[in-house]
Amino acid sequence: MKKIILISLLFSLVACADFLDEDLQGIYTSGTFYKTNEHAMLALTGAYQPLGFTNIRNALWVFGDVASDDAIKGGNPGDQSEIEFIGQFTYTRDNGYLEYIWQRYYEGISRANDVMHRLGPDVSESVKEQVVAEASFLRAYYYFHLVNIFGEIPLKTEPAFSASDLHVPVSSVAAIYEQIETDLRHAVEKLPPTQPAGRATKGAALGLLSKVYLFQQKYNDALDAIDELDQTGLYGLVDNYSHNFRVDHQNNIESVFEIQHISGQDPFQGNVLNQWFAPQLENGYFFNVPTQDFVDAFEKTEEEIADPRLDYTLGREGMPWINGNDFDPAWSPTGFIQKKHLQPLSEIPAGTKGDGELNYVFMRYAEILLIKAEALNETNRPDEALEPLNRVRQRARESYLHDENLDGFGNVPSGLLPDITTNSQTQLREIVRKERRVELGFEFHRFYDLMRYGRVYAEEKLSDTSFDYDTHRYFLIPQNEVDINNAIDD
């Protein structure tokens, strides 16, 4: 089955007779595309496209945040009720958000497969090596999310050459992870340490590989990947935590892999989350709102001074909002609105609210440090785990030395986020889990963590929903895929 790819319409007006004698110039098939270096780079760019939050179909936040204990749907009652069904674990297979994420990320996988298998002999070896390595990383990224959301899924590593190729049975979670590891190891071997912003690098592949190993409890392998990442000397922590979520500090030293957005483009390349998460008075829909339980996870001093990451992460009563006005808890059904994916009106006015230019940082070096701390602790080295853990906490408290907007700037408040000193593996395990929650809050990671922590932890944290670990550890494959893929049993 030939796959038709519409690149652009290059026709000009010509006489009818001449037109009939001309080959079509604006349409490529799999037989006429993938022939040149330019084609290869265009195809690779297409494989990156599903990463972006350019429309609601990239609903990663629904599964990362709303399905967790960090957030509820928000928005007006009844609006986008399918999101609430997911958050309450009362959804069915025909839920549109299951289909959105499934279709979008499998489209990314399909495009990556095309890049890896369709390149013609006229594509230079250097270009072929580059694009195949980047496509390998992208395929691993898409599969990482799909396997954490759905569990056993079809493993597709080649293009669909015939109609029968569309019917693929599910593979085990272990087999999916094995393929992810294979793709990432290839990317590590072939990718350069630095690339233009948004492109996969050796460090990005090593970072994701360390997380993949962590999720499978391959702790020593995770530590090896982090050691190799650190050997590049390219990554560290920015002084001010909030700079990770500001347009004027994007693609900084802490960014391991960052998904790019640009406003005012045709075709559209903006970030729609800027509208989906903003307050209604700013032309927003106020979805994905933080819970009180999430707010309570942040530490405070005896004088009630909060971990500064709390107010960098969300708006709450009595604190300034991103536009300089006071935050009004009436803007949200929980009294809170997250900030990490929002831009002030001075950057994106209300009239173009859904065309944001804030990137999504999938992985920061702070997470690498927390992966290292967890892996060291789980390999019975809690004393060594303290160093990376405390680096993350130190950066957070020392925001007072780098952010003149903080009340008390220039001095770290007494007792704020003290270094952890316990060498109890059990205690440190819970501390690292809590640190991941507050450090990475609203970056779409929490649900995956809840699930990998196991039944007891997950059911306790989701006790106010219909969640049952045996039933809801993985989401159901969407009905549309069951209907069209004859190899999947209902």
Protein backbone atom coordinates (compact mmCIF):
# COMPACT_ATOMS: atom_id res chain seq x y z
CA MET A 1 0.00 0.00 0.00
CA LYS A 2 1.53 3.25 -1.06
CA LYS A 3 1.57 5.99 1.51
CA ILE A 4 0.69 9.35 -0.02
CA ILE A 5 2.55 12.34 1.37
CA LEU A 6 1.35 15.82 0.57
CA ILE A 7 4.37 18.13 0.62
CA SER A 8 3.19 21.25 -1.18
CA LEU A 9 1.29 22.32 -4.26
CA LEU A 10 3.83 23.49 -6.78
CA PHE A 11 1.58 23.77 -9.80
CA SER A 12 1.44 26.85 -11.96
CA LEU A 13 -1.21 27.68 -14.53
CA VAL A 14 -0.35 26.16 -17.91
CA ALA A 15 -2.23 25.30 -21.07
CA CYS A 16 -4.41 22.25 -20.79
CA ALA A 17 -2.42 20.28 -23.36
CA ASP A 18 0.88 21.09 -21.65
CA PHE A 19 -0.59 20.18 -18.28
CA LEU A 20 -1.58 16.73 -19.50
CA ASP A 21 2.00 16.09 -20.60
CA GLU A 22 3.53 17.09 -17.24
CA ASP A 23 4.25 14.78 -14.30
CA LEU A 24 2.55 15.69 -11.06
CA GLN A 25 4.94 17.90 -9.10
CA GLY A 26 3.14 18.50 -5.82
CA ILE A 27 2.45 14.95 -4.68
CA TYR A 28 4.99 12.40 -3.49
CA THR A 29 4.47 8.70 -2.89
CA SER A 30 6.69 6.34 -0.93
CA GLY A 31 8.25 5.56 -4.30
CA THR A 32 9.19 9.13 -5.14
CA PHE A 33 9.93 10.56 -1.69
CA TYR A 34 12.83 9.68 0.68
CA LYS A 35 15.21 10.01 -2.27
CA THR A 36 17.43 12.96 -1.31
CA ASN A 37 19.09 14.43 1.75
CA GLU A 38 16.44 17.16 1.73
CA HIS A 39 13.67 14.57 1.69
CA ALA A 40 15.27 12.75 4.61
CA MET A 41 15.43 15.90 6.73
CA LEU A 42 11.84 16.80 5.85
CA ALA A 43 10.68 13.34 6.88
CA LEU A 44 12.60 13.62 10.14
CA THR A 45 11.00 16.99 10.85
CA GLY A 46 7.63 15.33 10.33
CA ALA A 47 8.53 12.72 12.95
CA TYR A 48 9.16 15.48 15.49
CA GLN A 49 5.81 17.17 14.82
CA PRO A 50 3.62 14.99 17.12
CA LEU A 51 5.80 15.97 20.10
CA GLY A 52 4.33 19.46 20.25
CA PHE A 53 1.32 20.67 22.20
CA THR A 54 -0.11 22.33 19.12
CA ASN A 55 -3.62 21.02 19.74
CA ILE A 56 -5.57 19.11 22.36
CA ARG A 57 -4.71 15.77 20.78
CA ASN A 58 -1.40 15.79 22.64
CA ALA A 59 -3.18 15.27 25.95
CA LEU A 60 -0.16 14.05 27.90
CA TRP A 61 -1.17 16.28 30.81
CA VAL A 62 -4.45 14.39 31.22
CA PHE A 63 -2.57 11.15 31.87
CA GLY A 64 0.41 12.67 33.70
CA ASP A 65 -1.42 15.09 36.00
CA VAL A 66 -5.21 14.70 36.05
CA ALA A 67 -5.00 10.92 36.44
CA SER A 68 -2.74 11.47 39.46
CA ASP A 69 -3.22 12.99 42.90
CA ASP A 70 -1.70 16.30 41.79
CA ALA A 71 -4.63 17.67 39.78
CA ILE A 72 -8.29 17.48 38.87
CA LYS A 73 -9.87 18.36 35.55
CA GLY A 74 -10.86 21.93 36.46
CA GLY A 75 -12.71 24.03 33.92
CA ASN A 76 -16.44 24.64 33.91
CA PRO A 77 -18.66 21.80 35.19
CA GLY A 78 -19.49 19.45 32.35
CA ASP A 79 -16.89 20.89 30.01
CA GLN A 80 -14.64 18.16 28.58
CA SER A 81 -16.22 15.58 30.88
CA GLU A 82 -14.16 12.81 29.29
CA ILE A 83 -11.14 14.23 31.11
CA GLU A 84 -12.95 13.89 34.43
CA PHE A 85 -13.86 10.28 33.64
CA ILE A 86 -10.16 9.56 33.21
CA GLY A 87 -9.30 11.39 36.44
CA GLN A 88 -11.93 9.39 38.32
CA PHE A 89 -11.15 6.09 36.52
CA THR A 90 -14.74 5.76 35.35
CA TYR A 91 -13.88 6.04 31.65
CA THR A 92 -14.77 3.60 28.86
CA ARG A 93 -12.86 2.50 25.76
CA ASP A 94 -14.60 5.11 23.61
CA ASN A 95 -13.19 8.01 25.63
CA GLY A 96 -11.87 10.55 23.14
CA TYR A 97 -8.73 11.32 25.12
CA LEU A 98 -7.59 7.71 24.95
CA GLU A 99 -7.88 7.90 21.19
CA TYR A 100 -6.14 11.30 21.00
CA ILE A 101 -2.95 10.21 22.71
CA TRP A 102 -2.96 6.79 21.00
CA GLN A 103 -3.33 8.17 17.50
CA ARG A 104 -0.92 11.05 17.95
CA TYR A 105 1.94 9.02 19.37
CA TYR A 106 1.47 6.10 16.98
CA GLU A 107 1.55 8.66 14.18
CA GLY A 108 4.93 9.73 15.56
CA ILE A 109 6.05 6.08 15.59
CA SER A 110 4.84 5.60 12.00
CA ARG A 111 6.77 8.63 10.82
CA ALA A 112 9.90 7.49 12.67
CA ASN A 113 9.58 4.04 11.07
CA ASP A 114 9.32 5.63 7.64
CA VAL A 115 12.51 7.58 8.24
CA MET A 116 14.39 4.48 9.35
CA HIS A 117 13.24 2.15 6.57
CA ARG A 118 12.41 4.16 3.46
CA LEU A 119 15.53 6.22 2.83
CA GLY A 120 16.82 5.72 -0.69
CA PRO A 121 20.37 5.03 -1.87
CA ASP A 122 20.93 8.65 -2.88
CA VAL A 123 20.68 9.84 0.74
CA SER A 124 24.25 10.34 1.95
CA GLU A 125 25.55 8.03 4.65
CA SER A 126 26.16 10.90 7.06
CA VAL A 127 22.61 12.21 6.69
CA LYS A 128 21.17 8.71 6.92
CA GLU A 129 23.08 8.03 10.14
CA GLN A 130 21.91 11.31 11.65
CA VAL A 131 18.23 11.01 10.80
CA VAL A 132 18.00 7.33 11.74
CA ALA A 133 19.57 8.08 15.13
CA GLU A 134 17.15 10.93 15.80
CA ALA A 135 14.20 8.85 14.60
CA SER A 136 15.30 6.06 16.96
CA PHE A 137 15.18 8.48 19.86
CA LEU A 138 11.76 9.73 18.82
CA ARG A 139 10.33 6.24 18.49
CA ALA A 140 11.64 5.42 21.96
CA TYR A 141 10.07 8.59 23.35
CA TYR A 142 6.65 7.80 21.87
CA TYR A 143 6.76 4.17 23.01
CA PHE A 144 7.86 5.19 26.51
CA HIS A 145 4.67 7.18 26.97
CA LEU A 146 2.41 4.63 25.32
CA VAL A 147 3.71 1.71 27.36
CA ASN A 148 3.31 3.65 30.60
CA ILE A 149 -0.24 4.67 29.72
CA PHE A 150 -1.53 1.49 28.05
CA GLY A 151 0.85 -1.33 29.02
CA GLU A 152 0.68 -4.15 26.44
CA ILE A 153 0.44 -2.50 23.01
CA PRO A 154 1.27 -3.32 19.38
CA LEU A 155 4.99 -3.08 18.69
CA LYS A 156 5.48 -1.61 15.22
CA THR A 157 9.05 -1.19 14.06
CA GLU A 158 8.54 -1.10 10.28
CA PRO A 159 6.25 0.84 7.96
CA ALA A 160 2.93 -0.68 6.94
CA PHE A 161 3.71 -2.02 3.46
CA SER A 162 0.32 -3.70 3.03
CA ALA A 163 -3.13 -3.66 4.61
CA SER A 164 -2.32 -6.79 6.59
CA ASP A 165 0.57 -4.95 8.26
CA LEU A 166 -1.98 -2.80 10.08
CA HIS A 167 -3.13 -5.78 12.15
CA VAL A 168 -0.49 -6.20 14.84
CA PRO A 169 -1.05 -8.02 18.14
CA VAL A 170 -0.01 -6.54 21.44
CA SER A 171 3.44 -7.22 22.84
CA SER A 172 4.39 -7.55 26.47
CA VAL A 173 5.50 -4.55 28.47
CA ALA A 174 8.94 -6.17 28.75
CA ALA A 175 9.19 -6.46 24.95
CA ILE A 176 8.22 -2.81 24.47
CA TYR A 177 10.87 -1.73 26.96
CA GLU A 178 13.44 -3.94 25.24
CA GLN A 179 12.77 -2.12 21.97
CA ILE A 180 12.95 1.26 23.69
CA GLU A 181 16.34 0.33 25.14
CA THR A 182 17.58 -0.84 21.73
CA ASP A 183 16.52 2.41 20.08
CA LEU A 184 18.04 4.56 22.78
CA ARG A 185 21.35 2.71 22.80
CA HIS A 186 21.56 3.24 19.04
CA ALA A 187 20.78 6.93 19.53
CA VAL A 188 23.44 7.23 22.24
CA GLU A 189 26.03 5.70 19.92
CA LYS A 190 25.23 7.87 16.91
CA LEU A 191 23.90 11.21 18.15
CA PRO A 192 26.22 14.19 18.74
CA PRO A 193 26.47 15.86 22.16
CA THR A 194 25.00 19.13 20.84
CA GLN A 195 22.35 19.93 18.26
CA PRO A 196 20.11 22.86 17.31
CA ALA A 197 17.46 23.53 19.97
CA GLY A 198 14.80 20.86 20.15
CA ARG A 199 16.74 18.16 18.31
CA ALA A 200 17.65 14.92 20.02
CA THR A 201 21.19 14.71 21.39
CA LYS A 202 23.36 12.06 22.98
CA GLY A 203 22.51 13.57 26.37
CA ALA A 204 18.78 13.41 25.67
CA ALA A 205 19.07 9.74 24.73
CA LEU A 206 21.13 8.98 27.86
CA GLY A 207 18.68 10.88 30.05
CA LEU A 208 15.67 9.00 28.74
CA LEU A 209 17.61 5.75 28.90
CA SER A 210 18.37 6.34 32.59
CA LYS A 211 14.65 6.84 33.21
CA VAL A 212 13.74 3.73 31.24
CA TYR A 213 16.18 1.72 33.34
CA LEU A 214 14.84 3.24 36.55
CA PHE A 215 11.27 2.31 35.65
CA GLN A 216 12.39 -1.30 35.21
CA GLN A 217 14.38 -1.27 38.45
CA LYS A 218 17.65 -1.68 36.54
CA TYR A 219 19.32 0.69 38.93
CA ASN A 220 22.97 0.04 38.10
CA ASP A 221 22.25 0.52 34.40
CA ALA A 222 20.52 3.82 35.21
CA LEU A 223 23.59 4.96 37.13
CA ASP A 224 25.88 4.01 34.23
CA ALA A 225 23.77 6.05 31.82
CA ILE A 226 23.90 9.05 34.16
CA ASP A 227 27.67 8.75 34.51
CA GLU A 228 27.98 8.84 30.73
CA LEU A 229 25.66 11.84 30.53
CA ASP A 230 27.71 13.67 33.16
CA GLN A 231 30.88 13.00 31.18
CA THR A 232 29.59 15.32 28.46
CA GLY A 233 29.94 18.22 30.91
CA LEU A 234 26.96 19.95 29.30
CA TYR A 235 24.31 19.86 32.02
CA GLY A 236 23.70 21.44 35.39
CA LEU A 237 21.12 23.30 37.46
CA VAL A 238 20.14 26.88 36.71
CA ASP A 239 20.35 29.17 39.74
CA ASN A 240 16.69 30.15 39.70
CA TYR A 241 14.21 27.26 39.54
CA SER A 242 11.59 29.40 37.79
CA HIS A 243 13.86 30.05 34.82
CA ASN A 244 13.03 26.56 33.58
CA PHE A 245 9.54 27.80 32.76
CA ARG A 246 10.24 31.20 31.25
CA VAL A 247 10.47 32.05 27.56
CA ASP A 248 13.56 34.19 28.04
CA HIS A 249 15.49 31.28 29.61
CA GLN A 250 14.47 28.40 27.34
CA ASN A 251 16.93 25.70 26.24
CA ASN A 252 19.17 26.41 29.21
CA ILE A 253 21.87 24.28 30.82
CA GLU A 254 19.29 22.30 32.82
CA SER A 255 17.30 21.24 29.77
CA VAL A 256 18.06 17.66 28.73
CA PHE A 257 15.23 17.41 26.20
CA GLU A 258 12.89 20.28 25.39
CA ILE A 259 10.00 20.37 22.92
CA GLN A 260 9.87 23.63 21.01
CA HIS A 261 6.95 25.97 20.29
CA ILE A 262 6.83 29.19 18.25
CA SER A 263 3.87 31.54 18.15
CA GLY A 264 2.57 33.40 15.10
CA GLN A 265 3.47 30.67 12.61
CA ASP A 266 1.66 29.23 9.59
CA PRO A 267 1.38 26.28 9.81
CA PHE A 268 0.59 26.57 13.51
CA GLN A 269 3.44 25.79 15.92
CA GLY A 270 2.21 27.45 19.11
CA ASN A 271 1.50 25.91 22.50
CA VAL A 272 -2.24 25.62 23.18
CA LEU A 273 -1.68 24.77 26.86
CA ASN A 274 -1.26 28.50 27.46
CA GLN A 275 -5.01 28.79 26.92
CA TRP A 276 -6.19 25.45 28.29
CA PHE A 277 -4.60 26.09 31.71
CA ALA A 278 -5.07 29.88 32.10
CA PRO A 279 -7.79 31.61 34.17
CA GLN A 280 -11.06 32.42 32.43
CA LEU A 281 -10.61 36.18 32.81
CA GLU A 282 -7.50 35.85 30.60
CA ASN A 283 -9.44 33.95 27.92
CA GLY A 284 -8.38 30.62 29.40
CA TYR A 285 -10.21 27.40 30.20
CA PHE A 286 -8.56 26.74 33.64
CA PHE A 287 -8.11 22.98 33.22
CA ASN A 288 -5.55 20.81 35.05
CA VAL A 289 -5.81 22.58 38.40
CA PRO A 290 -3.70 21.62 41.43
CA THR A 291 -5.18 19.81 44.41
CA GLN A 292 -4.83 20.81 48.04
CA ASP A 293 -2.95 17.55 48.60
CA PHE A 294 -0.30 18.65 46.09
CA VAL A 295 0.04 22.03 47.81
CA ASP A 296 0.41 20.33 51.19
CA ALA A 297 3.37 18.30 49.90
CA PHE A 298 5.61 21.39 49.97
CA GLU A 299 7.68 21.95 53.09
CA LYS A 300 7.45 25.05 55.27
CA THR A 301 9.66 26.51 57.98
CA GLU A 302 8.45 27.04 61.54
CA GLU A 303 7.68 30.61 60.46
CA GLU A 304 5.41 29.24 57.69
CA ILE A 305 7.78 30.24 54.87
CA ALA A 306 7.08 27.83 52.02
CA ASP A 307 9.45 26.03 49.71
CA PRO A 308 9.79 28.65 46.91
CA ARG A 309 8.98 26.00 44.33
CA LEU A 310 5.37 26.15 45.52
CA ASP A 311 4.80 29.69 44.29
CA TYR A 312 6.91 29.13 41.20
CA THR A 313 4.60 26.22 40.35
CA LEU A 314 1.14 27.64 41.06
CA GLY A 315 -0.96 30.63 41.97
CA ARG A 316 -2.60 30.75 45.39
CA GLU A 317 -4.41 33.22 47.59
CA GLY A 318 -2.34 36.10 48.90
CA MET A 319 0.42 35.73 46.34
CA PRO A 320 1.11 37.72 43.14
CA TRP A 321 -0.02 36.24 39.83
CA ILE A 322 2.07 36.14 36.65
CA ASN A 323 0.58 39.42 35.36
CA GLY A 324 1.46 41.40 38.50
CA ASN A 325 -2.07 41.32 39.92
CA ASP A 326 -3.06 39.39 43.03
CA PHE A 327 -4.18 35.80 42.51
CA ASP A 328 -7.87 35.22 43.11
CA PRO A 329 -8.69 31.69 44.32
CA ALA A 330 -12.16 32.07 42.76
CA TRP A 331 -10.47 31.56 39.37
CA SER A 332 -10.23 27.82 40.07
CA PRO A 333 -12.48 25.14 41.61
CA THR A 334 -9.62 24.16 43.93
CA GLY A 335 -8.33 27.67 44.62
CA PHE A 336 -5.10 27.08 42.65
CA ILE A 337 -3.86 27.37 39.05
CA GLN A 338 -0.54 26.03 37.81
CA LYS A 339 2.01 28.45 36.31
CA LYS A 340 4.60 26.29 34.56
CA HIS A 341 2.85 26.29 31.18
CA LEU A 342 1.54 29.86 31.20
CA GLN A 343 2.88 33.11 29.82
CA PRO A 344 1.94 36.59 31.03
CA LEU A 345 -0.35 38.74 28.92
CA SER A 346 2.62 40.98 28.15
CA GLU A 347 4.00 38.09 26.06
CA ILE A 348 0.82 36.47 24.72
CA PRO A 349 -2.28 38.70 24.90
CA ALA A 350 -5.73 37.31 25.60
CA GLY A 351 -6.72 37.52 21.93
CA THR A 352 -4.08 34.99 20.90
CA LYS A 353 -3.95 33.08 24.17
CA GLY A 354 -3.89 29.66 22.49
CA ASP A 355 -0.76 30.47 20.47
CA GLY A 356 1.86 30.33 23.19
CA GLU A 357 5.59 30.04 22.61
CA LEU A 358 6.59 28.37 25.86
CA ASN A 359 8.42 25.10 25.33
CA TYR A 360 7.68 21.88 27.16
CA VAL A 361 10.72 20.55 29.01
CA PHE A 362 10.28 16.80 29.11
CA MET A 363 13.47 16.18 31.05
CA ARG A 364 15.56 18.48 33.23
CA TYR A 365 18.89 17.78 34.88
CA ALA A 366 17.13 18.05 38.23
CA GLU A 367 15.28 14.85 37.33
CA ILE A 368 18.57 13.20 36.39
CA LEU A 369 19.84 13.98 39.90
CA LEU A 370 16.69 12.53 41.45
CA ILE A 371 16.95 9.40 39.30
CA LYS A 372 20.53 9.07 40.55
CA ALA A 373 19.47 9.52 44.17
CA GLU A 374 16.73 6.91 43.82
CA ALA A 375 18.98 4.41 42.07
CA LEU A 376 21.74 4.80 44.64
CA ASN A 377 19.32 4.34 47.49
CA GLU A 378 17.75 1.26 45.93
CA THR A 379 21.21 -0.29 45.47
CA ASN A 380 21.84 0.04 49.23
CA ARG A 381 23.98 3.18 48.95
CA PRO A 382 21.83 5.73 50.82
CA ASP A 383 24.83 7.75 51.99
CA GLU A 384 25.81 8.38 48.36
CA ALA A 385 22.21 9.19 47.44
CA LEU A 386 22.23 12.24 49.70
CA GLU A 387 24.53 14.28 47.46
CA PRO A 388 22.33 14.44 44.32
CA LEU A 389 19.18 14.75 46.43
CA ASN A 390 20.56 17.65 48.42
CA ARG A 391 21.79 19.41 45.29
CA VAL A 392 18.18 19.66 44.16
CA ARG A 393 17.04 20.96 47.55
CA GLN A 394 19.94 23.41 47.77
CA ARG A 395 19.05 24.96 44.42
CA ALA A 396 15.45 25.35 45.55
CA ARG A 397 16.24 27.15 48.81
CA GLU A 398 18.98 29.26 47.25
CA SER A 399 16.44 30.80 44.90
CA TYR A 400 16.43 33.44 47.64
CA LEU A 401 19.96 34.35 46.60
CA HIS A 402 19.10 34.72 42.92
CA ASP A 403 15.52 35.98 42.66
CA GLU A 404 15.08 39.60 43.71
CA ASN A 405 11.31 39.21 43.50
CA LEU A 406 11.26 36.94 46.54
CA ASP A 407 10.37 38.61 49.82
CA GLY A 408 13.60 38.43 51.82
CA PHE A 409 15.84 38.27 48.75
CA GLY A 410 19.52 37.90 49.63
CA ASN A 411 19.09 35.60 52.61
CA VAL A 412 17.93 32.00 52.75
CA PRO A 413 15.24 31.75 55.47
CA SER A 414 16.33 29.80 58.52
CA GLY A 415 15.25 26.16 58.41
CA LEU A 416 14.15 26.24 54.76
CA LEU A 417 14.67 22.92 52.96
CA PRO A 418 17.54 21.69 55.12
CA ASP A 419 19.87 19.02 53.77
CA ILE A 420 18.62 15.48 54.28
CA THR A 421 20.93 13.46 56.54
CA THR A 422 19.17 10.14 57.18
CA ASN A 423 20.86 6.97 55.95
CA SER A 424 17.74 4.86 56.40
CA GLN A 425 16.90 3.35 53.02
CA THR A 426 13.19 3.19 53.86
CA GLN A 427 13.00 6.81 55.01
CA LEU A 428 15.07 8.03 52.11
CA ARG A 429 12.86 6.20 49.62
CA GLU A 430 9.85 8.22 50.77
CA ILE A 431 11.85 11.45 50.83
CA VAL A 432 13.01 10.98 47.23
CA ARG A 433 9.46 10.22 46.12
CA LYS A 434 8.20 13.39 47.76
CA GLU A 435 11.06 15.40 46.29
CA ARG A 436 10.20 14.17 42.79
CA ARG A 437 6.62 15.26 43.35
CA VAL A 438 7.40 18.84 44.34
CA GLU A 439 10.37 19.34 42.02
CA LEU A 440 8.65 17.94 38.92
CA GLY A 441 5.07 18.90 39.71
CA PHE A 442 2.88 19.65 36.67
CA GLU A 443 5.54 18.47 34.25
CA PHE A 444 3.33 15.44 33.41
CA HIS A 445 5.28 12.76 35.30
CA ARG A 446 3.32 12.02 38.47
CA PHE A 447 0.90 9.30 37.29
CA TYR A 448 3.75 7.22 35.89
CA ASP A 449 5.50 7.45 39.24
CA LEU A 450 2.39 6.43 41.19
CA MET A 451 2.02 3.33 39.05
CA ARG A 452 5.64 2.23 39.30
CA TYR A 453 5.61 2.69 43.08
CA GLY A 454 3.10 -0.15 43.25
CA ARG A 455 -0.35 -1.08 44.44
CA VAL A 456 -0.24 0.12 48.06
CA TYR A 457 1.18 3.53 47.23
CA ALA A 458 -1.03 4.10 44.19
CA GLU A 459 -4.29 3.05 45.85
CA GLU A 460 -3.56 5.20 48.90
CA LYS A 461 -2.82 8.29 46.81
CA LEU A 462 -5.85 7.78 44.56
CA SER A 463 -8.26 6.69 47.30
CA ASP A 464 -10.75 9.47 46.50
CA THR A 465 -11.31 8.02 43.00
CA SER A 466 -12.57 4.67 41.67
CA PHE A 467 -8.99 3.53 41.10
CA ASP A 468 -8.22 -0.16 41.61
CA TYR A 469 -4.68 -1.23 40.82
CA ASP A 470 -5.61 -4.52 39.20
CA THR A 471 -8.18 -2.84 36.96
CA HIS A 472 -6.59 0.55 36.32
CA ARG A 473 -2.82 0.02 36.37
CA TYR A 474 -2.99 0.58 32.62
CA PHE A 475 -5.61 2.39 30.57
CA LEU A 476 -7.73 0.45 28.10
CA ILE A 477 -6.72 0.45 24.46
CA PRO A 478 -9.18 2.80 22.71
CA GLN A 479 -12.20 1.28 21.03
CA ASN A 480 -11.30 2.64 17.61
CA GLU A 481 -8.02 0.68 17.63
CA VAL A 482 -9.80 -2.48 18.78
CA ASP A 483 -12.27 -2.07 15.92
CA ILE A 484 -9.71 -1.64 13.13
CA ASN A 485 -6.90 -3.92 14.39
CA ASN A 486 -8.10 -7.50 14.01
CA ALA A 487 -5.13 -8.80 15.97
CA ILE A 488 -6.30 -7.15 19.22
CA ASP A 489 -8.82 -9.00 21.33
CA ASP A 490 -11.58 -6.89 22.87
